[in-house]
N, C-alpha and C. Protein backbone atom coordinates (compact mmCIF):
# COMPACT_ATOMS: atom_id res chain seq x y z
N MET A 1 58.84 94.78 90.50
CA MET A 1 58.64 95.57 89.29
C MET A 1 57.28 95.25 88.70
N GLU A 2 56.47 96.30 88.44
CA GLU A 2 55.11 96.08 87.96
C GLU A 2 55.12 95.71 86.48
N THR A 3 54.24 94.79 86.11
CA THR A 3 54.08 94.38 84.72
C THR A 3 52.97 95.20 84.08
N LYS A 4 53.30 95.91 83.00
CA LYS A 4 52.34 96.78 82.32
C LYS A 4 51.74 96.06 81.12
N ILE A 5 50.42 96.08 81.04
CA ILE A 5 49.71 95.45 79.94
C ILE A 5 48.87 96.51 79.22
N LEU A 6 48.96 96.53 77.90
CA LEU A 6 48.15 97.43 77.08
C LEU A 6 47.09 96.61 76.36
N ILE A 7 45.82 96.99 76.56
CA ILE A 7 44.70 96.35 75.86
C ILE A 7 44.31 97.24 74.69
N ILE A 8 44.39 96.69 73.48
CA ILE A 8 43.94 97.41 72.29
C ILE A 8 42.68 96.71 71.81
N ASP A 9 41.52 97.27 72.18
CA ASP A 9 40.22 96.64 71.89
C ASP A 9 39.15 97.70 72.00
N ASP A 10 38.17 97.67 71.09
CA ASP A 10 37.11 98.67 71.11
C ASP A 10 35.91 98.26 71.97
N ASP A 11 35.97 97.10 72.59
CA ASP A 11 34.88 96.61 73.44
C ASP A 11 35.12 97.11 74.87
N ALA A 12 34.42 98.18 75.24
CA ALA A 12 34.65 98.80 76.55
C ALA A 12 34.31 97.86 77.70
N LYS A 13 33.25 97.07 77.54
CA LYS A 13 32.85 96.14 78.59
C LYS A 13 33.95 95.10 78.84
N LEU A 14 34.51 94.57 77.74
CA LEU A 14 35.58 93.59 77.88
C LEU A 14 36.81 94.23 78.50
N ARG A 15 37.15 95.45 78.08
CA ARG A 15 38.32 96.13 78.65
C ARG A 15 38.17 96.30 80.16
N ASP A 16 36.98 96.71 80.58
CA ASP A 16 36.73 96.93 82.00
C ASP A 16 36.83 95.62 82.78
N LEU A 17 36.28 94.54 82.23
CA LEU A 17 36.31 93.24 82.89
C LEU A 17 37.75 92.75 83.04
N VAL A 18 38.52 92.82 81.95
CA VAL A 18 39.90 92.36 81.97
C VAL A 18 40.73 93.22 82.92
N THR A 19 40.51 94.52 82.88
CA THR A 19 41.26 95.43 83.76
C THR A 19 41.01 95.12 85.22
N GLU A 20 39.74 94.98 85.59
CA GLU A 20 39.40 94.70 86.98
C GLU A 20 40.01 93.38 87.44
N TYR A 21 39.96 92.37 86.59
CA TYR A 21 40.47 91.05 86.96
C TYR A 21 42.00 91.06 87.09
N LEU A 22 42.69 91.61 86.10
CA LEU A 22 44.15 91.56 86.10
C LEU A 22 44.77 92.49 87.14
N GLN A 23 44.08 93.60 87.44
CA GLN A 23 44.59 94.48 88.49
C GLN A 23 44.65 93.77 89.84
N GLY A 24 43.75 92.79 90.03
CA GLY A 24 43.76 92.02 91.26
C GLY A 24 45.00 91.14 91.39
N TYR A 25 45.72 90.95 90.30
CA TYR A 25 46.95 90.15 90.32
C TYR A 25 48.20 91.03 90.17
N GLY A 26 48.02 92.34 90.36
CA GLY A 26 49.16 93.24 90.41
C GLY A 26 49.60 93.82 89.08
N PHE A 27 48.85 93.57 87.99
CA PHE A 27 49.21 94.13 86.70
C PHE A 27 48.72 95.57 86.59
N VAL A 28 49.42 96.37 85.80
CA VAL A 28 49.03 97.75 85.53
C VAL A 28 48.48 97.80 84.10
N LEU A 29 47.24 98.26 83.94
CA LEU A 29 46.54 98.21 82.65
C LEU A 29 46.42 99.59 82.01
N SER A 30 46.63 99.62 80.68
CA SER A 30 46.35 100.80 79.87
C SER A 30 45.45 100.37 78.71
N HIS A 31 44.72 101.34 78.12
CA HIS A 31 43.74 101.01 77.08
C HIS A 31 43.96 101.85 75.83
N HIS A 32 43.57 101.26 74.70
CA HIS A 32 43.43 102.01 73.45
C HIS A 32 42.31 101.32 72.67
N ASP A 33 41.41 102.10 72.05
CA ASP A 33 40.18 101.50 71.53
C ASP A 33 40.09 101.43 70.01
N GLU A 34 41.19 101.66 69.28
CA GLU A 34 41.15 101.54 67.83
C GLU A 34 42.54 101.27 67.30
N GLY A 35 42.58 100.85 66.01
CA GLY A 35 43.87 100.57 65.40
C GLY A 35 44.68 101.81 65.11
N ASN A 36 43.98 102.89 64.71
CA ASN A 36 44.67 104.14 64.42
C ASN A 36 45.40 104.65 65.66
N GLY A 37 46.66 104.98 65.51
CA GLY A 37 47.42 105.53 66.64
C GLY A 37 47.92 104.51 67.64
N ALA A 38 47.64 103.22 67.39
CA ALA A 38 48.02 102.19 68.36
C ALA A 38 49.53 102.13 68.58
N VAL A 39 50.28 102.26 67.50
CA VAL A 39 51.74 102.18 67.62
C VAL A 39 52.28 103.35 68.44
N ASN A 40 51.68 104.53 68.27
CA ASN A 40 52.11 105.68 69.06
C ASN A 40 51.84 105.48 70.54
N VAL A 41 50.69 104.84 70.85
CA VAL A 41 50.37 104.56 72.24
C VAL A 41 51.38 103.58 72.83
N ILE A 42 51.74 102.57 72.05
CA ILE A 42 52.74 101.60 72.51
C ILE A 42 54.06 102.30 72.80
N GLU A 43 54.42 103.25 71.93
CA GLU A 43 55.66 104.01 72.12
C GLU A 43 55.63 104.78 73.43
N GLN A 44 54.46 105.34 73.76
CA GLN A 44 54.33 106.14 74.99
C GLN A 44 54.27 105.27 76.24
N VAL A 45 53.46 104.19 76.18
CA VAL A 45 53.22 103.36 77.37
C VAL A 45 54.38 102.40 77.64
N ARG A 46 55.01 101.89 76.58
CA ARG A 46 56.05 100.88 76.69
C ARG A 46 55.58 99.70 77.54
N PRO A 47 54.52 99.03 77.10
CA PRO A 47 53.97 97.92 77.89
C PRO A 47 54.90 96.70 77.86
N ASP A 48 54.73 95.83 78.84
CA ASP A 48 55.47 94.58 78.88
C ASP A 48 54.76 93.50 78.06
N LEU A 49 53.46 93.70 77.80
CA LEU A 49 52.67 92.76 77.01
C LEU A 49 51.48 93.49 76.42
N ILE A 50 51.08 93.07 75.22
CA ILE A 50 49.94 93.70 74.54
C ILE A 50 48.85 92.66 74.30
N LEU A 51 47.61 93.01 74.63
CA LEU A 51 46.44 92.22 74.26
C LEU A 51 45.80 92.93 73.08
N LEU A 52 45.82 92.28 71.91
CA LEU A 52 45.43 92.94 70.67
C LEU A 52 44.23 92.28 70.02
N ASP A 53 43.13 93.02 69.92
CA ASP A 53 41.95 92.54 69.19
C ASP A 53 42.21 92.66 67.69
N LEU A 54 41.85 91.64 66.93
CA LEU A 54 42.07 91.68 65.49
C LEU A 54 40.98 92.42 64.74
N MET A 55 39.80 92.60 65.36
CA MET A 55 38.68 93.28 64.71
C MET A 55 38.56 94.69 65.28
N LEU A 56 39.43 95.58 64.82
CA LEU A 56 39.47 96.94 65.34
C LEU A 56 38.91 97.94 64.34
N PRO A 57 38.29 99.03 64.81
CA PRO A 57 37.93 100.11 63.89
C PRO A 57 39.19 100.84 63.44
N GLY A 58 39.13 101.45 62.27
CA GLY A 58 40.31 102.11 61.74
C GLY A 58 41.26 101.06 61.19
N THR A 59 42.53 101.18 61.48
CA THR A 59 43.52 100.19 61.06
C THR A 59 43.21 98.86 61.74
N ASP A 60 43.10 97.77 60.94
CA ASP A 60 42.71 96.50 61.56
C ASP A 60 43.86 95.91 62.38
N GLY A 61 43.50 94.97 63.24
CA GLY A 61 44.46 94.41 64.18
C GLY A 61 45.63 93.72 63.51
N MET A 62 45.40 93.11 62.35
CA MET A 62 46.48 92.42 61.65
C MET A 62 47.54 93.41 61.20
N GLU A 63 47.11 94.56 60.70
CA GLU A 63 48.06 95.58 60.27
C GLU A 63 48.80 96.17 61.48
N VAL A 64 48.07 96.34 62.58
CA VAL A 64 48.71 96.82 63.81
C VAL A 64 49.78 95.84 64.25
N LEU A 65 49.47 94.55 64.15
CA LEU A 65 50.44 93.53 64.54
C LEU A 65 51.69 93.60 63.66
N ARG A 66 51.50 93.83 62.35
CA ARG A 66 52.65 93.96 61.45
C ARG A 66 53.53 95.13 61.88
N GLU A 67 52.90 96.26 62.21
CA GLU A 67 53.65 97.44 62.63
C GLU A 67 54.38 97.20 63.95
N ILE A 68 53.71 96.49 64.85
CA ILE A 68 54.34 96.18 66.14
C ILE A 68 55.62 95.38 65.93
N ARG A 69 55.55 94.38 65.07
CA ARG A 69 56.70 93.52 64.86
C ARG A 69 57.84 94.22 64.13
N ILE A 70 57.53 95.26 63.39
CA ILE A 70 58.59 96.05 62.73
C ILE A 70 59.34 96.89 63.76
N ARG A 71 58.61 97.41 64.75
CA ARG A 71 59.21 98.41 65.65
C ARG A 71 59.49 97.92 67.07
N PHE A 72 58.79 96.84 67.50
CA PHE A 72 58.91 96.43 68.90
C PHE A 72 59.10 94.92 69.02
N ASN A 73 59.66 94.52 70.17
CA ASN A 73 59.78 93.10 70.49
C ASN A 73 58.83 92.70 71.61
N THR A 74 57.80 93.53 71.83
CA THR A 74 56.86 93.30 72.92
C THR A 74 56.00 92.07 72.65
N PRO A 75 55.83 91.17 73.63
CA PRO A 75 54.95 90.02 73.41
C PRO A 75 53.51 90.45 73.17
N VAL A 76 52.84 89.71 72.27
CA VAL A 76 51.46 90.05 71.88
C VAL A 76 50.58 88.80 71.99
N ILE A 77 49.46 88.95 72.67
CA ILE A 77 48.43 87.91 72.69
C ILE A 77 47.24 88.44 71.89
N MET A 78 46.87 87.71 70.84
CA MET A 78 45.74 88.12 70.00
C MET A 78 44.41 87.76 70.66
N LEU A 79 43.45 88.64 70.52
CA LEU A 79 42.07 88.36 70.92
C LEU A 79 41.29 88.14 69.62
N THR A 80 40.82 86.92 69.41
CA THR A 80 40.18 86.58 68.14
C THR A 80 38.75 86.11 68.34
N ALA A 81 37.96 86.22 67.27
CA ALA A 81 36.60 85.68 67.30
C ALA A 81 36.67 84.17 67.36
N LYS A 82 35.77 83.57 68.11
CA LYS A 82 35.77 82.13 68.27
C LYS A 82 35.62 81.45 66.91
N GLY A 83 36.50 80.49 66.64
CA GLY A 83 36.43 79.74 65.40
C GLY A 83 37.09 80.42 64.21
N ASP A 84 37.69 81.60 64.43
CA ASP A 84 38.33 82.32 63.33
C ASP A 84 39.75 81.80 63.15
N GLU A 85 39.86 80.57 62.63
CA GLU A 85 41.14 79.88 62.59
C GLU A 85 42.12 80.52 61.62
N THR A 86 41.64 81.03 60.49
CA THR A 86 42.54 81.62 59.50
C THR A 86 43.28 82.81 60.07
N ASP A 87 42.55 83.73 60.72
CA ASP A 87 43.18 84.90 61.33
C ASP A 87 44.17 84.48 62.42
N ARG A 88 43.81 83.45 63.17
CA ARG A 88 44.70 82.97 64.23
C ARG A 88 46.03 82.50 63.65
N ILE A 89 45.95 81.70 62.58
CA ILE A 89 47.17 81.17 61.97
C ILE A 89 48.02 82.29 61.37
N VAL A 90 47.37 83.21 60.65
CA VAL A 90 48.10 84.34 60.06
C VAL A 90 48.74 85.19 61.15
N GLY A 91 48.01 85.42 62.23
CA GLY A 91 48.54 86.21 63.33
C GLY A 91 49.77 85.59 63.95
N LEU A 92 49.74 84.28 64.16
CA LEU A 92 50.92 83.59 64.70
C LEU A 92 52.08 83.66 63.72
N GLU A 93 51.79 83.56 62.42
CA GLU A 93 52.85 83.66 61.42
C GLU A 93 53.47 85.05 61.40
N LEU A 94 52.67 86.07 61.72
CA LEU A 94 53.18 87.45 61.73
C LEU A 94 53.97 87.76 63.00
N GLY A 95 53.93 86.84 63.96
CA GLY A 95 54.76 87.05 65.15
C GLY A 95 54.01 87.20 66.45
N ALA A 96 52.70 86.98 66.47
CA ALA A 96 51.99 86.98 67.75
C ALA A 96 52.49 85.81 68.60
N ASP A 97 52.47 85.98 69.91
CA ASP A 97 53.01 84.96 70.80
C ASP A 97 51.96 83.94 71.23
N ASP A 98 50.71 84.33 71.19
CA ASP A 98 49.64 83.42 71.58
C ASP A 98 48.33 84.05 71.14
N TYR A 99 47.25 83.32 71.34
CA TYR A 99 45.92 83.84 71.02
C TYR A 99 44.94 83.29 72.03
N ILE A 100 43.82 83.98 72.16
CA ILE A 100 42.72 83.48 72.98
C ILE A 100 41.43 83.89 72.29
N SER A 101 40.48 82.97 72.19
CA SER A 101 39.23 83.23 71.47
C SER A 101 38.18 83.84 72.40
N LYS A 102 37.46 84.82 71.89
CA LYS A 102 36.35 85.41 72.61
C LYS A 102 35.11 84.55 72.44
N PRO A 103 34.26 84.46 73.44
CA PRO A 103 34.48 84.94 74.81
C PRO A 103 35.43 84.01 75.55
N PHE A 104 36.16 84.53 76.53
CA PHE A 104 37.12 83.71 77.22
C PHE A 104 36.95 83.84 78.74
N ASN A 105 37.46 82.85 79.44
CA ASN A 105 37.47 82.86 80.90
C ASN A 105 38.67 83.69 81.35
N PRO A 106 38.49 84.68 82.23
CA PRO A 106 39.62 85.49 82.69
C PRO A 106 40.76 84.65 83.28
N ARG A 107 40.43 83.51 83.89
CA ARG A 107 41.48 82.64 84.42
C ARG A 107 42.37 82.11 83.30
N GLU A 108 41.75 81.77 82.17
CA GLU A 108 42.53 81.28 81.05
C GLU A 108 43.42 82.38 80.49
N LEU A 109 42.88 83.60 80.40
CA LEU A 109 43.69 84.73 79.93
C LEU A 109 44.89 84.93 80.86
N LEU A 110 44.66 84.89 82.16
CA LEU A 110 45.75 85.05 83.13
C LEU A 110 46.81 83.97 82.93
N ALA A 111 46.37 82.73 82.74
CA ALA A 111 47.32 81.64 82.53
C ALA A 111 48.16 81.87 81.29
N ARG A 112 47.54 82.34 80.22
CA ARG A 112 48.26 82.59 78.98
C ARG A 112 49.25 83.75 79.13
N ILE A 113 48.83 84.80 79.83
CA ILE A 113 49.73 85.93 80.08
C ILE A 113 50.96 85.47 80.85
N LYS A 114 50.75 84.68 81.89
CA LYS A 114 51.87 84.21 82.70
C LYS A 114 52.80 83.32 81.88
N ALA A 115 52.22 82.48 81.03
CA ALA A 115 53.04 81.58 80.21
C ALA A 115 53.90 82.38 79.23
N VAL A 116 53.30 83.38 78.59
CA VAL A 116 54.05 84.21 77.64
C VAL A 116 55.14 84.98 78.37
N MET A 117 54.83 85.56 79.53
CA MET A 117 55.81 86.33 80.27
C MET A 117 56.95 85.46 80.77
N ARG A 118 56.65 84.22 81.11
CA ARG A 118 57.72 83.30 81.53
C ARG A 118 58.72 83.08 80.41
N ARG A 119 58.21 82.98 79.19
CA ARG A 119 59.10 82.74 78.05
C ARG A 119 59.99 83.94 77.78
N TYR A 120 59.46 85.15 78.00
CA TYR A 120 60.25 86.35 77.75
C TYR A 120 61.19 86.68 78.90
N ASN A 121 60.75 86.40 80.12
CA ASN A 121 61.59 86.71 81.28
C ASN A 121 61.32 85.70 82.37
N PRO A 122 61.92 84.52 82.30
CA PRO A 122 61.61 83.46 83.25
C PRO A 122 61.99 83.77 84.69
N GLU A 123 62.85 84.78 84.90
CA GLU A 123 63.28 85.08 86.27
C GLU A 123 62.28 85.91 87.04
N ILE A 124 61.57 86.84 86.34
CA ILE A 124 60.71 87.74 87.10
C ILE A 124 59.23 87.57 86.79
N SER A 125 58.86 86.94 85.68
CA SER A 125 57.44 86.75 85.40
C SER A 125 56.85 85.75 86.37
N ASP A 126 55.59 85.87 86.64
CA ASP A 126 54.91 84.95 87.55
C ASP A 126 55.58 84.91 88.92
N GLN A 127 55.97 86.10 89.44
CA GLN A 127 56.69 86.15 90.70
C GLN A 127 55.87 85.61 91.87
N LYS A 128 54.57 85.77 91.79
CA LYS A 128 53.74 85.34 92.91
C LYS A 128 53.63 83.85 93.01
N ASN A 129 53.81 83.12 91.89
CA ASN A 129 53.59 81.69 91.90
C ASN A 129 54.73 80.92 91.25
N SER A 130 55.94 81.43 91.36
CA SER A 130 57.07 80.78 90.70
C SER A 130 57.30 79.39 91.25
N VAL A 131 57.44 78.39 90.35
CA VAL A 131 57.64 77.03 90.81
C VAL A 131 59.00 76.84 91.42
N THR A 132 59.92 77.78 91.19
CA THR A 132 61.25 77.65 91.78
C THR A 132 61.26 78.10 93.23
N ASP A 133 60.21 78.79 93.66
CA ASP A 133 60.19 79.35 95.01
C ASP A 133 59.13 78.74 95.91
N HIS A 134 58.06 78.20 95.37
CA HIS A 134 56.91 77.86 96.18
C HIS A 134 56.47 76.41 96.00
N ILE A 135 56.25 75.74 97.14
CA ILE A 135 55.60 74.45 97.14
C ILE A 135 54.10 74.70 96.95
N ILE A 136 53.46 73.91 96.11
CA ILE A 136 52.03 74.07 95.84
C ILE A 136 51.28 72.97 96.58
N ILE A 137 50.27 73.37 97.34
CA ILE A 137 49.49 72.41 98.11
C ILE A 137 48.03 72.53 97.70
N SER A 138 47.42 71.41 97.29
CA SER A 138 46.00 71.35 96.98
C SER A 138 45.41 70.17 97.71
N GLY A 139 44.53 70.49 98.68
CA GLY A 139 44.02 69.41 99.52
C GLY A 139 45.16 68.79 100.31
N LYS A 140 45.33 67.49 100.21
CA LYS A 140 46.40 66.79 100.92
C LYS A 140 47.57 66.44 99.99
N ILE A 141 47.52 66.94 98.76
CA ILE A 141 48.57 66.65 97.79
C ILE A 141 49.50 67.85 97.67
N THR A 142 50.80 67.56 97.65
CA THR A 142 51.82 68.61 97.57
C THR A 142 52.67 68.43 96.33
N LEU A 143 52.91 69.54 95.64
CA LEU A 143 53.79 69.54 94.47
C LEU A 143 55.06 70.28 94.87
N ASN A 144 56.18 69.57 94.86
CA ASN A 144 57.45 70.12 95.36
C ASN A 144 58.39 70.42 94.19
N PRO A 145 58.68 71.70 93.92
CA PRO A 145 59.54 72.06 92.79
C PRO A 145 61.01 71.76 93.03
N ALA A 146 61.41 71.61 94.28
CA ALA A 146 62.82 71.40 94.59
C ALA A 146 63.34 70.10 93.98
N ASN A 147 62.51 69.06 93.99
CA ASN A 147 62.96 67.77 93.45
C ASN A 147 61.99 67.18 92.43
N MET A 148 61.04 68.02 91.95
CA MET A 148 60.12 67.62 90.88
C MET A 148 59.32 66.38 91.25
N VAL A 149 58.72 66.40 92.43
CA VAL A 149 57.92 65.26 92.87
C VAL A 149 56.55 65.73 93.34
N ILE A 150 55.60 64.79 93.32
CA ILE A 150 54.29 65.01 93.90
C ILE A 150 54.20 64.12 95.13
N GLU A 151 53.70 64.67 96.24
CA GLU A 151 53.76 64.00 97.53
C GLU A 151 52.38 63.87 98.16
N TYR A 152 52.21 62.79 98.92
CA TYR A 152 50.95 62.56 99.64
C TYR A 152 51.24 61.71 100.86
N ARG A 153 51.04 62.29 102.04
CA ARG A 153 51.21 61.59 103.31
C ARG A 153 52.52 60.81 103.39
N GLY A 154 53.61 61.50 103.09
CA GLY A 154 54.92 60.90 103.22
C GLY A 154 55.38 60.08 102.03
N ARG A 155 54.50 59.84 101.08
CA ARG A 155 54.87 59.09 99.87
C ARG A 155 55.07 60.09 98.73
N SER A 156 55.83 59.67 97.72
CA SER A 156 56.10 60.59 96.62
C SER A 156 56.24 59.83 95.30
N GLU A 157 56.01 60.56 94.22
CA GLU A 157 56.19 60.06 92.86
C GLU A 157 56.97 61.11 92.08
N GLU A 158 58.00 60.67 91.37
CA GLU A 158 58.77 61.59 90.53
C GLU A 158 57.99 61.94 89.26
N LEU A 159 58.16 63.18 88.81
CA LEU A 159 57.46 63.66 87.61
C LEU A 159 58.48 64.13 86.58
N SER A 160 58.12 63.96 85.31
CA SER A 160 58.92 64.57 84.25
C SER A 160 58.65 66.08 84.28
N LYS A 161 59.47 66.84 83.54
CA LYS A 161 59.29 68.29 83.52
C LYS A 161 57.91 68.67 83.00
N THR A 162 57.47 68.01 81.91
CA THR A 162 56.16 68.32 81.36
C THR A 162 55.04 67.92 82.31
N GLU A 163 55.16 66.74 82.93
CA GLU A 163 54.17 66.31 83.91
C GLU A 163 54.08 67.30 85.07
N PHE A 164 55.25 67.76 85.51
CA PHE A 164 55.27 68.72 86.61
C PHE A 164 54.53 70.00 86.24
N ARG A 165 54.80 70.52 85.03
CA ARG A 165 54.15 71.75 84.60
C ARG A 165 52.64 71.58 84.45
N ILE A 166 52.21 70.42 83.98
CA ILE A 166 50.78 70.16 83.86
C ILE A 166 50.13 70.14 85.24
N MET A 167 50.77 69.44 86.19
CA MET A 167 50.23 69.39 87.55
C MET A 167 50.23 70.77 88.18
N GLU A 168 51.26 71.55 87.90
CA GLU A 168 51.33 72.92 88.43
C GLU A 168 50.13 73.73 87.95
N ALA A 169 49.85 73.65 86.65
CA ALA A 169 48.72 74.41 86.09
C ALA A 169 47.40 73.97 86.71
N LEU A 170 47.21 72.66 86.84
CA LEU A 170 45.95 72.13 87.37
C LEU A 170 45.79 72.43 88.85
N MET A 171 46.87 72.25 89.62
CA MET A 171 46.77 72.43 91.07
C MET A 171 46.67 73.90 91.48
N LYS A 172 47.15 74.80 90.64
CA LYS A 172 46.99 76.23 90.92
C LYS A 172 45.56 76.70 90.66
N ASN A 173 44.80 75.88 89.94
CA ASN A 173 43.42 76.23 89.59
C ASN A 173 42.48 75.06 89.93
N PRO A 174 42.43 74.65 91.22
CA PRO A 174 41.62 73.48 91.57
C PRO A 174 40.14 73.72 91.32
N ASN A 175 39.46 72.62 90.94
CA ASN A 175 38.02 72.66 90.67
C ASN A 175 37.66 73.65 89.56
N THR A 176 38.63 73.91 88.68
CA THR A 176 38.42 74.82 87.55
C THR A 176 38.79 74.10 86.27
N VAL A 177 37.88 74.12 85.30
CA VAL A 177 38.15 73.44 84.02
C VAL A 177 39.16 74.27 83.23
N MET A 178 40.21 73.58 82.75
CA MET A 178 41.22 74.22 81.91
C MET A 178 41.27 73.51 80.56
N SER A 179 41.30 74.28 79.49
CA SER A 179 41.32 73.67 78.16
C SER A 179 42.65 72.97 77.92
N ARG A 180 42.65 72.03 76.99
CA ARG A 180 43.85 71.25 76.69
C ARG A 180 44.98 72.15 76.18
N ASP A 181 44.65 73.09 75.27
CA ASP A 181 45.72 73.91 74.72
C ASP A 181 46.27 74.90 75.74
N THR A 182 45.42 75.34 76.69
CA THR A 182 45.92 76.21 77.75
C THR A 182 46.93 75.47 78.63
N ILE A 183 46.58 74.26 79.02
CA ILE A 183 47.48 73.46 79.86
C ILE A 183 48.81 73.23 79.16
N MET A 184 48.75 72.83 77.89
CA MET A 184 49.99 72.52 77.19
C MET A 184 50.76 73.77 76.82
N ASN A 185 50.07 74.89 76.65
CA ASN A 185 50.77 76.14 76.42
C ASN A 185 51.63 76.50 77.64
N ILE A 186 51.06 76.29 78.83
CA ILE A 186 51.80 76.54 80.06
C ILE A 186 52.96 75.55 80.19
N ALA A 187 52.69 74.30 79.84
CA ALA A 187 53.68 73.25 80.05
C ALA A 187 54.82 73.30 79.04
N ARG A 188 54.51 73.66 77.77
CA ARG A 188 55.53 73.51 76.74
C ARG A 188 55.69 74.71 75.83
N GLY A 189 54.90 75.79 76.04
CA GLY A 189 55.08 76.98 75.22
C GLY A 189 54.23 76.98 73.97
N ARG A 190 54.30 78.07 73.20
CA ARG A 190 53.37 78.27 72.08
C ARG A 190 53.66 77.39 70.89
N ASP A 191 54.82 76.70 70.86
CA ASP A 191 55.10 75.82 69.73
C ASP A 191 54.27 74.55 69.77
N PHE A 192 53.60 74.31 70.91
CA PHE A 192 52.72 73.15 71.01
C PHE A 192 51.52 73.32 70.10
N ILE A 193 51.18 72.28 69.38
CA ILE A 193 50.01 72.30 68.50
C ILE A 193 48.80 71.84 69.30
N ALA A 194 47.75 72.65 69.30
CA ALA A 194 46.62 72.43 70.22
C ALA A 194 45.97 71.07 70.06
N PHE A 195 45.97 70.52 68.83
CA PHE A 195 45.29 69.24 68.63
C PHE A 195 46.23 68.05 68.81
N ASP A 196 47.49 68.30 69.24
CA ASP A 196 48.42 67.21 69.52
C ASP A 196 47.85 66.36 70.66
N ARG A 197 47.80 65.03 70.43
CA ARG A 197 47.19 64.15 71.43
C ARG A 197 48.13 63.81 72.58
N SER A 198 49.36 64.38 72.58
CA SER A 198 50.32 64.02 73.62
C SER A 198 49.84 64.42 75.00
N ILE A 199 48.98 65.42 75.11
CA ILE A 199 48.48 65.81 76.42
C ILE A 199 47.73 64.65 77.07
N ASP A 200 47.01 63.88 76.26
CA ASP A 200 46.26 62.75 76.81
C ASP A 200 47.20 61.70 77.38
N VAL A 201 48.36 61.53 76.74
CA VAL A 201 49.36 60.58 77.24
C VAL A 201 49.90 61.06 78.58
N HIS A 202 50.22 62.36 78.67
CA HIS A 202 50.74 62.90 79.93
C HIS A 202 49.70 62.79 81.05
N ILE A 203 48.45 63.10 80.73
CA ILE A 203 47.38 63.00 81.74
C ILE A 203 47.23 61.56 82.20
N SER A 204 47.30 60.62 81.27
CA SER A 204 47.19 59.20 81.63
C SER A 204 48.31 58.79 82.58
N LYS A 205 49.52 59.24 82.31
CA LYS A 205 50.65 58.92 83.19
C LYS A 205 50.47 59.55 84.57
N LEU A 206 49.97 60.78 84.59
CA LEU A 206 49.74 61.45 85.87
C LEU A 206 48.66 60.73 86.69
N ARG A 207 47.62 60.28 86.03
CA ARG A 207 46.57 59.53 86.74
C ARG A 207 47.11 58.24 87.32
N TYR A 208 47.98 57.55 86.59
CA TYR A 208 48.60 56.32 87.08
C TYR A 208 49.43 56.62 88.33
N LYS A 209 50.19 57.72 88.31
CA LYS A 209 51.02 58.07 89.45
C LYS A 209 50.18 58.51 90.64
N LEU A 210 49.09 59.20 90.37
CA LEU A 210 48.19 59.60 91.46
C LEU A 210 47.52 58.39 92.10
N GLU A 211 47.17 57.41 91.27
CA GLU A 211 46.57 56.19 91.80
C GLU A 211 47.57 55.45 92.69
N ASN A 212 48.83 55.37 92.28
CA ASN A 212 49.85 54.75 93.11
C ASN A 212 50.08 55.52 94.40
N LEU A 213 49.96 56.84 94.29
CA LEU A 213 50.28 57.72 95.41
C LEU A 213 49.17 57.76 96.45
N CYS A 214 47.94 57.99 96.01
CA CYS A 214 46.86 58.20 96.97
C CYS A 214 45.63 57.33 96.67
N GLY A 215 45.74 56.44 95.68
CA GLY A 215 44.64 55.54 95.38
C GLY A 215 43.48 56.18 94.64
N ASP A 216 43.71 57.37 94.05
CA ASP A 216 42.61 58.06 93.38
C ASP A 216 43.10 58.66 92.07
N LYS A 217 42.95 57.92 90.98
CA LYS A 217 43.36 58.44 89.68
C LYS A 217 42.38 59.48 89.15
N ASN A 218 41.21 59.58 89.76
CA ASN A 218 40.19 60.52 89.30
C ASN A 218 40.36 61.92 89.88
N LYS A 219 41.52 62.19 90.51
CA LYS A 219 41.80 63.55 90.95
C LYS A 219 41.87 64.49 89.74
N ILE A 220 42.27 63.93 88.59
CA ILE A 220 42.23 64.70 87.35
C ILE A 220 41.02 64.24 86.55
N LYS A 221 40.04 65.10 86.46
CA LYS A 221 38.77 64.75 85.81
C LYS A 221 38.75 65.27 84.38
N THR A 222 38.27 64.42 83.46
CA THR A 222 38.06 64.84 82.08
C THR A 222 36.70 65.53 81.96
N VAL A 223 36.70 66.72 81.40
CA VAL A 223 35.45 67.43 81.10
C VAL A 223 35.31 67.38 79.58
N TRP A 224 34.48 66.50 79.11
CA TRP A 224 34.41 66.19 77.68
C TRP A 224 34.12 67.42 76.84
N GLY A 225 34.92 67.57 75.79
CA GLY A 225 34.75 68.70 74.88
C GLY A 225 35.35 69.99 75.38
N THR A 226 35.92 69.97 76.59
CA THR A 226 36.46 71.20 77.16
C THR A 226 37.91 71.03 77.58
N GLY A 227 38.18 70.11 78.50
CA GLY A 227 39.55 69.96 78.98
C GLY A 227 39.63 69.10 80.23
N TYR A 228 40.40 69.55 81.20
CA TYR A 228 40.64 68.78 82.42
C TYR A 228 40.48 69.67 83.64
N MET A 229 40.26 69.00 84.80
CA MET A 229 40.08 69.72 86.05
C MET A 229 40.70 68.89 87.18
N PHE A 230 41.45 69.58 88.05
CA PHE A 230 41.98 68.94 89.24
C PHE A 230 40.93 69.06 90.35
N VAL A 231 40.49 67.94 90.89
CA VAL A 231 39.39 67.90 91.85
C VAL A 231 39.92 67.82 93.27
N LEU A 232 39.53 68.73 94.12
CA LEU A 232 39.93 68.69 95.53
C LEU A 232 39.14 67.61 96.27
């Protein structure tokens, strides 16, 4: 079953970039470029997820979000200006499921979409990379969902659920920097507070287990001021 995404944003270049990228992962994209009439478009398209810019011509994105929550239960990811914390907080309070600041990495957007869809429909979202169906292999390290372990040359280490989800996010995107809040959003959902230092504790535990497993705790690299990266 195809997942339909509606982008409500007046930035044509961004719409085209997001459409091209997400279509490569099997999503079906529709567009609307202003706040006026957005609810009618949602009624017609019936998307599975909405990407909503808060700075829209006509009716602003915050008002569109209010109308969406009155009439629909569709998950919404806000597209916000970088550093616009007040709008982000208000948007979450109005019922948005997540947010991403512009400019953003398409990989991060994809990760957030998958995380939100998992929460709404854990059985069918992320069908291509479901941890219940697929062993993940990065280099010589294997992540096995059947028994929640990480394996290397016949040796294994057990992982907690959160540790497993963090490793899943990192190993699916090797040699790619992922922000702390993106990783924890995937691991624990949108109730996670981005500045919670618990991610550092989980990363520390994972490094200890990797060192025991393969003698290399630096498989998870810290990228200062940005996040973490799993190194092949």
